[in-house]
């Protein structure tokens, strides 16, 4: 689920839900574009086995998880990745999903 999806979840269930939800992003190496190896698919399967929807991106994956379960999910996906040949697992956890406009606008094209 993306940040937009998490915002929709919060709107659907009430704003207080967002405070109990964590956004976990993870990147598993070695990285081979377009060919996730068993170290990647095992980590994804470990998260899915816990009933989570994994959003797989071009450079990493993410899940929305209850904060109380975040540690166990991270442990499971890290264990699965390392047991299947990962050399590196990077994890980022956010307590809340950013809302509102970006901090700054990136100029597009020309000499702006």
N, C-alpha and C. Protein backbone atom coordinates (compact mmCIF):
# COMPACT_ATOMS: atom_id res chain seq x y z
N UNK A 1 0.85 -1.17 0.00
CA UNK A 1 0.00 0.00 0.00
C UNK A 1 0.89 1.23 0.00
N UNK A 2 0.58 2.18 -0.81
CA UNK A 2 1.37 3.40 -0.93
C UNK A 2 0.97 4.40 0.15
N UNK A 3 1.72 5.54 0.19
CA UNK A 3 1.34 6.61 1.11
C UNK A 3 -0.09 7.04 0.85
N UNK A 4 -0.48 7.13 -0.41
CA UNK A 4 -1.85 7.53 -0.74
C UNK A 4 -2.83 6.48 -0.21
N UNK A 5 -2.46 5.22 -0.34
CA UNK A 5 -3.31 4.15 0.17
C UNK A 5 -3.45 4.21 1.67
N UNK A 6 -2.37 4.54 2.36
CA UNK A 6 -2.42 4.66 3.81
C UNK A 6 -3.29 5.83 4.23
N UNK A 7 -3.20 6.92 3.49
CA UNK A 7 -4.06 8.07 3.78
C UNK A 7 -5.52 7.71 3.59
N UNK A 8 -5.82 6.93 2.55
CA UNK A 8 -7.19 6.48 2.31
C UNK A 8 -7.64 5.57 3.45
N UNK A 9 -6.75 4.69 3.92
CA UNK A 9 -7.07 3.81 5.04
C UNK A 9 -7.40 4.62 6.28
N UNK A 10 -6.61 5.67 6.54
CA UNK A 10 -6.86 6.51 7.70
C UNK A 10 -8.20 7.22 7.58
N UNK A 11 -8.52 7.69 6.37
CA UNK A 11 -9.80 8.37 6.17
C UNK A 11 -10.96 7.40 6.37
N UNK A 12 -10.77 6.17 5.90
CA UNK A 12 -11.82 5.16 6.01
C UNK A 12 -12.05 4.74 7.45
N UNK A 13 -10.97 4.57 8.21
CA UNK A 13 -11.08 4.04 9.57
C UNK A 13 -11.00 5.11 10.65
N UNK A 14 -10.77 6.33 10.27
CA UNK A 14 -10.65 7.40 11.25
C UNK A 14 -9.20 7.79 11.44
N UNK A 15 -8.95 9.04 11.66
CA UNK A 15 -7.57 9.55 11.74
C UNK A 15 -6.76 8.87 12.83
N UNK A 16 -7.38 8.41 13.91
CA UNK A 16 -6.61 7.80 14.99
C UNK A 16 -5.94 6.50 14.54
N UNK A 17 -6.46 5.87 13.49
CA UNK A 17 -5.84 4.66 12.97
C UNK A 17 -4.42 4.93 12.51
N UNK A 18 -4.18 6.07 11.90
CA UNK A 18 -2.88 6.39 11.34
C UNK A 18 -1.80 6.37 12.41
N UNK A 19 -2.13 6.78 13.63
CA UNK A 19 -1.15 6.81 14.70
C UNK A 19 -0.71 5.41 15.11
N UNK A 20 -1.49 4.39 14.78
CA UNK A 20 -1.16 3.02 15.16
C UNK A 20 -0.61 2.22 13.99
N UNK A 21 -0.34 2.88 12.88
CA UNK A 21 0.10 2.21 11.67
C UNK A 21 1.52 2.62 11.35
N UNK A 22 2.31 1.65 10.94
CA UNK A 22 3.67 1.93 10.51
C UNK A 22 3.82 1.64 9.03
N UNK A 23 4.65 2.41 8.39
CA UNK A 23 4.96 2.21 6.97
C UNK A 23 6.39 1.69 6.95
N UNK A 24 6.58 0.46 6.49
CA UNK A 24 7.89 -0.17 6.48
C UNK A 24 8.35 -0.33 5.04
N UNK A 25 9.47 0.30 4.72
CA UNK A 25 10.08 0.15 3.39
C UNK A 25 11.32 -0.71 3.57
N UNK A 26 11.54 -1.62 2.62
CA UNK A 26 12.74 -2.44 2.71
C UNK A 26 13.34 -2.67 1.33
N UNK A 27 14.66 -2.68 1.31
CA UNK A 27 15.42 -2.92 0.10
C UNK A 27 16.38 -4.07 0.39
N UNK A 28 16.41 -5.03 -0.51
CA UNK A 28 17.21 -6.23 -0.30
C UNK A 28 18.22 -6.34 -1.43
N UNK A 29 19.46 -6.59 -1.07
CA UNK A 29 20.53 -6.73 -2.06
C UNK A 29 21.11 -8.13 -1.98
N UNK A 30 21.68 -8.66 -3.04
CA UNK A 30 22.02 -7.96 -4.26
C UNK A 30 20.78 -7.67 -5.10
N UNK A 31 20.87 -6.56 -5.82
CA UNK A 31 19.78 -6.08 -6.65
C UNK A 31 20.09 -6.39 -8.10
N UNK A 32 19.16 -7.07 -8.76
CA UNK A 32 19.28 -7.34 -10.20
C UNK A 32 17.99 -6.85 -10.83
N UNK A 33 18.08 -5.79 -11.62
CA UNK A 33 16.90 -5.16 -12.20
C UNK A 33 16.03 -6.17 -12.95
N UNK A 34 14.75 -6.19 -12.61
CA UNK A 34 13.78 -7.03 -13.30
C UNK A 34 13.84 -8.51 -12.94
N UNK A 35 14.77 -8.90 -12.07
CA UNK A 35 14.88 -10.31 -11.70
C UNK A 35 15.09 -10.45 -10.20
N UNK A 36 14.03 -10.34 -9.42
CA UNK A 36 14.21 -10.51 -7.98
C UNK A 36 14.57 -11.97 -7.68
N UNK A 37 15.66 -12.15 -6.98
CA UNK A 37 16.10 -13.50 -6.65
C UNK A 37 15.34 -14.07 -5.48
N UNK A 38 15.71 -15.29 -5.06
CA UNK A 38 15.03 -15.94 -3.95
C UNK A 38 15.17 -15.16 -2.64
N UNK A 39 16.23 -14.38 -2.50
CA UNK A 39 16.40 -13.57 -1.29
C UNK A 39 15.34 -12.48 -1.20
N UNK A 40 14.87 -12.01 -2.35
CA UNK A 40 13.81 -10.99 -2.38
C UNK A 40 12.44 -11.65 -2.25
N UNK A 41 12.19 -12.67 -3.05
CA UNK A 41 10.87 -13.31 -3.03
C UNK A 41 10.57 -13.97 -1.69
N UNK A 42 11.60 -14.47 -1.01
CA UNK A 42 11.38 -15.09 0.31
C UNK A 42 10.98 -14.03 1.34
N UNK A 43 11.59 -12.85 1.27
CA UNK A 43 11.23 -11.77 2.19
C UNK A 43 9.80 -11.30 1.95
N UNK A 44 9.44 -11.18 0.69
CA UNK A 44 8.07 -10.78 0.35
C UNK A 44 7.09 -11.84 0.85
N UNK A 45 7.41 -13.11 0.63
CA UNK A 45 6.54 -14.20 1.09
C UNK A 45 6.41 -14.19 2.62
N UNK A 46 7.49 -13.85 3.33
CA UNK A 46 7.43 -13.80 4.80
C UNK A 46 6.46 -12.73 5.27
N UNK A 47 6.45 -11.58 4.61
CA UNK A 47 5.50 -10.52 4.97
C UNK A 47 4.08 -10.92 4.60
N UNK A 48 3.92 -11.50 3.41
CA UNK A 48 2.58 -11.93 2.98
C UNK A 48 2.03 -13.04 3.88
N UNK A 49 2.90 -13.89 4.41
CA UNK A 49 2.46 -14.96 5.31
C UNK A 49 1.86 -14.39 6.59
N UNK A 50 2.17 -13.15 6.89
CA UNK A 50 1.60 -12.47 8.06
C UNK A 50 0.34 -11.70 7.70
N UNK A 51 -0.17 -11.93 6.49
CA UNK A 51 -1.40 -11.30 6.05
C UNK A 51 -1.24 -9.89 5.53
N UNK A 52 -0.02 -9.50 5.18
CA UNK A 52 0.23 -8.13 4.71
C UNK A 52 0.26 -8.07 3.20
N UNK A 53 -0.18 -6.94 2.66
CA UNK A 53 -0.08 -6.67 1.23
C UNK A 53 1.26 -5.97 1.00
N UNK A 54 2.10 -6.57 0.19
CA UNK A 54 3.41 -5.99 -0.09
C UNK A 54 3.34 -5.23 -1.41
N UNK A 55 3.75 -3.97 -1.38
CA UNK A 55 3.86 -3.18 -2.60
C UNK A 55 5.30 -3.30 -3.07
N UNK A 56 5.48 -3.93 -4.21
CA UNK A 56 6.82 -4.14 -4.75
C UNK A 56 7.12 -3.03 -5.75
N UNK A 57 8.20 -2.31 -5.49
CA UNK A 57 8.61 -1.22 -6.36
C UNK A 57 9.88 -1.58 -7.10
N UNK A 58 10.34 -0.70 -7.96
CA UNK A 58 11.53 -1.00 -8.76
C UNK A 58 12.82 -1.08 -7.94
N UNK A 59 12.87 -0.40 -6.81
CA UNK A 59 14.10 -0.39 -6.01
C UNK A 59 13.88 -0.85 -4.57
N UNK A 60 12.67 -1.18 -4.22
CA UNK A 60 12.37 -1.63 -2.87
C UNK A 60 10.91 -1.98 -2.75
N UNK A 61 10.54 -2.46 -1.59
CA UNK A 61 9.17 -2.88 -1.33
C UNK A 61 8.69 -2.23 -0.04
N UNK A 62 7.38 -2.24 0.18
CA UNK A 62 6.85 -1.63 1.39
C UNK A 62 5.59 -2.35 1.84
N UNK A 63 5.32 -2.20 3.14
CA UNK A 63 4.10 -2.75 3.74
C UNK A 63 3.58 -1.75 4.75
N UNK A 64 2.29 -1.79 4.95
CA UNK A 64 1.65 -1.05 6.03
C UNK A 64 1.38 -2.09 7.12
N UNK A 65 1.81 -1.79 8.32
CA UNK A 65 1.71 -2.77 9.41
C UNK A 65 1.37 -2.05 10.71
N UNK A 66 0.67 -2.72 11.58
CA UNK A 66 0.41 -2.16 12.90
C UNK A 66 1.74 -1.97 13.62
N UNK A 67 1.90 -0.86 14.31
CA UNK A 67 3.18 -0.58 14.97
C UNK A 67 3.57 -1.67 15.96
N UNK A 68 2.61 -2.28 16.60
CA UNK A 68 2.91 -3.35 17.55
C UNK A 68 3.53 -4.56 16.86
N UNK A 69 3.28 -4.73 15.58
CA UNK A 69 3.79 -5.88 14.83
C UNK A 69 4.99 -5.56 13.96
N UNK A 70 5.39 -4.31 13.89
CA UNK A 70 6.45 -3.90 12.97
C UNK A 70 7.76 -4.65 13.22
N UNK A 71 8.16 -4.79 14.45
CA UNK A 71 9.41 -5.47 14.77
C UNK A 71 9.41 -6.92 14.31
N UNK A 72 8.30 -7.62 14.55
CA UNK A 72 8.21 -9.02 14.15
C UNK A 72 8.21 -9.17 12.64
N UNK A 73 7.56 -8.25 11.95
CA UNK A 73 7.54 -8.29 10.48
C UNK A 73 8.94 -8.04 9.93
N UNK A 74 9.64 -7.05 10.48
CA UNK A 74 10.99 -6.75 10.03
C UNK A 74 11.91 -7.94 10.29
N UNK A 75 11.79 -8.56 11.45
CA UNK A 75 12.61 -9.74 11.76
C UNK A 75 12.33 -10.87 10.78
N UNK A 76 11.06 -11.12 10.50
CA UNK A 76 10.69 -12.22 9.59
C UNK A 76 11.22 -11.99 8.19
N UNK A 77 11.05 -10.78 7.66
CA UNK A 77 11.51 -10.55 6.30
C UNK A 77 13.03 -10.52 6.22
N UNK A 78 13.69 -10.01 7.26
CA UNK A 78 15.16 -10.01 7.28
C UNK A 78 15.69 -11.43 7.38
N UNK A 79 15.13 -12.24 8.27
CA UNK A 79 15.55 -13.64 8.40
C UNK A 79 15.39 -14.38 7.08
N UNK A 80 14.25 -14.19 6.42
CA UNK A 80 13.98 -14.89 5.16
C UNK A 80 14.95 -14.43 4.07
N UNK A 81 15.22 -13.14 4.00
CA UNK A 81 16.14 -12.63 2.99
C UNK A 81 17.54 -13.18 3.20
N UNK A 82 18.04 -13.11 4.43
CA UNK A 82 19.40 -13.57 4.71
C UNK A 82 19.55 -15.08 4.52
N UNK A 83 18.53 -15.82 4.89
CA UNK A 83 18.57 -17.28 4.72
C UNK A 83 18.58 -17.69 3.25
N UNK A 84 18.19 -16.76 2.37
CA UNK A 84 18.12 -17.07 0.95
C UNK A 84 19.13 -16.29 0.11
N UNK A 85 20.20 -15.82 0.73
CA UNK A 85 21.30 -15.24 -0.02
C UNK A 85 21.43 -13.74 -0.05
N UNK A 86 20.64 -13.02 0.71
CA UNK A 86 20.79 -11.56 0.73
C UNK A 86 22.14 -11.19 1.34
N UNK A 87 22.72 -10.14 0.81
CA UNK A 87 23.97 -9.63 1.37
C UNK A 87 23.73 -8.39 2.22
N UNK A 88 22.56 -7.76 2.04
CA UNK A 88 22.28 -6.51 2.73
C UNK A 88 20.76 -6.30 2.75
N UNK A 89 20.22 -5.90 3.89
CA UNK A 89 18.80 -5.53 3.99
C UNK A 89 18.74 -4.15 4.63
N UNK A 90 18.13 -3.22 3.92
CA UNK A 90 17.93 -1.86 4.45
C UNK A 90 16.45 -1.70 4.77
N UNK A 91 16.17 -1.13 5.94
CA UNK A 91 14.78 -0.96 6.39
C UNK A 91 14.58 0.48 6.84
N UNK A 92 13.45 1.03 6.47
CA UNK A 92 13.04 2.36 6.92
C UNK A 92 11.63 2.23 7.47
N UNK A 93 11.41 2.73 8.67
CA UNK A 93 10.09 2.66 9.30
C UNK A 93 9.62 4.07 9.61
N UNK A 94 8.41 4.38 9.20
CA UNK A 94 7.81 5.68 9.49
C UNK A 94 6.59 5.45 10.37
N UNK A 95 6.49 6.22 11.42
CA UNK A 95 5.34 6.11 12.32
C UNK A 95 4.09 6.68 11.68
N UNK A 96 4.26 7.77 10.96
CA UNK A 96 3.13 8.41 10.30
C UNK A 96 3.45 8.63 8.84
N UNK A 97 2.44 8.68 8.06
CA UNK A 97 2.59 8.93 6.64
C UNK A 97 2.52 10.43 6.42
N UNK A 98 3.51 11.01 5.71
CA UNK A 98 3.47 12.45 5.47
C UNK A 98 2.21 12.86 4.73
N UNK A 99 1.65 13.97 5.13
CA UNK A 99 0.47 14.51 4.46
C UNK A 99 0.74 15.95 4.10
N UNK A 100 -0.10 16.49 3.27
CA UNK A 100 0.04 17.88 2.89
C UNK A 100 0.99 18.06 1.73
N UNK A 101 1.25 19.31 1.37
CA UNK A 101 2.11 19.59 0.21
C UNK A 101 3.56 19.26 0.52
N UNK A 102 4.36 19.04 -0.52
CA UNK A 102 5.78 18.78 -0.29
C UNK A 102 6.46 19.98 0.35
N UNK A 103 7.60 19.75 0.99
CA UNK A 103 8.33 20.82 1.67
C UNK A 103 8.80 21.87 0.68
N UNK A 104 9.09 21.46 -0.56
CA UNK A 104 9.49 22.39 -1.59
C UNK A 104 9.15 21.79 -2.94
N UNK A 105 9.00 22.66 -3.92
CA UNK A 105 8.69 22.21 -5.26
C UNK A 105 9.98 22.08 -6.07
N UNK A 106 10.08 21.02 -6.84
CA UNK A 106 11.23 20.82 -7.71
C UNK A 106 10.91 21.45 -9.05
N UNK A 107 11.75 22.43 -9.49
CA UNK A 107 11.50 23.06 -10.80
C UNK A 107 11.54 22.03 -11.92
N UNK A 108 10.72 22.21 -12.91
CA UNK A 108 10.66 21.30 -14.06
C UNK A 108 11.17 21.99 -15.31
N UNK A 109 12.15 21.40 -15.97
CA UNK A 109 12.64 21.87 -17.27
C UNK A 109 13.24 23.26 -17.26
N UNK A 110 13.78 23.64 -18.40
CA UNK A 110 14.32 24.98 -18.61
C UNK A 110 15.40 25.36 -17.63
N UNK A 111 15.62 26.66 -17.44
CA UNK A 111 16.65 27.13 -16.53
C UNK A 111 16.03 27.65 -15.24
N UNK A 112 14.98 27.03 -14.79
CA UNK A 112 14.32 27.45 -13.55
C UNK A 112 15.16 27.11 -12.35
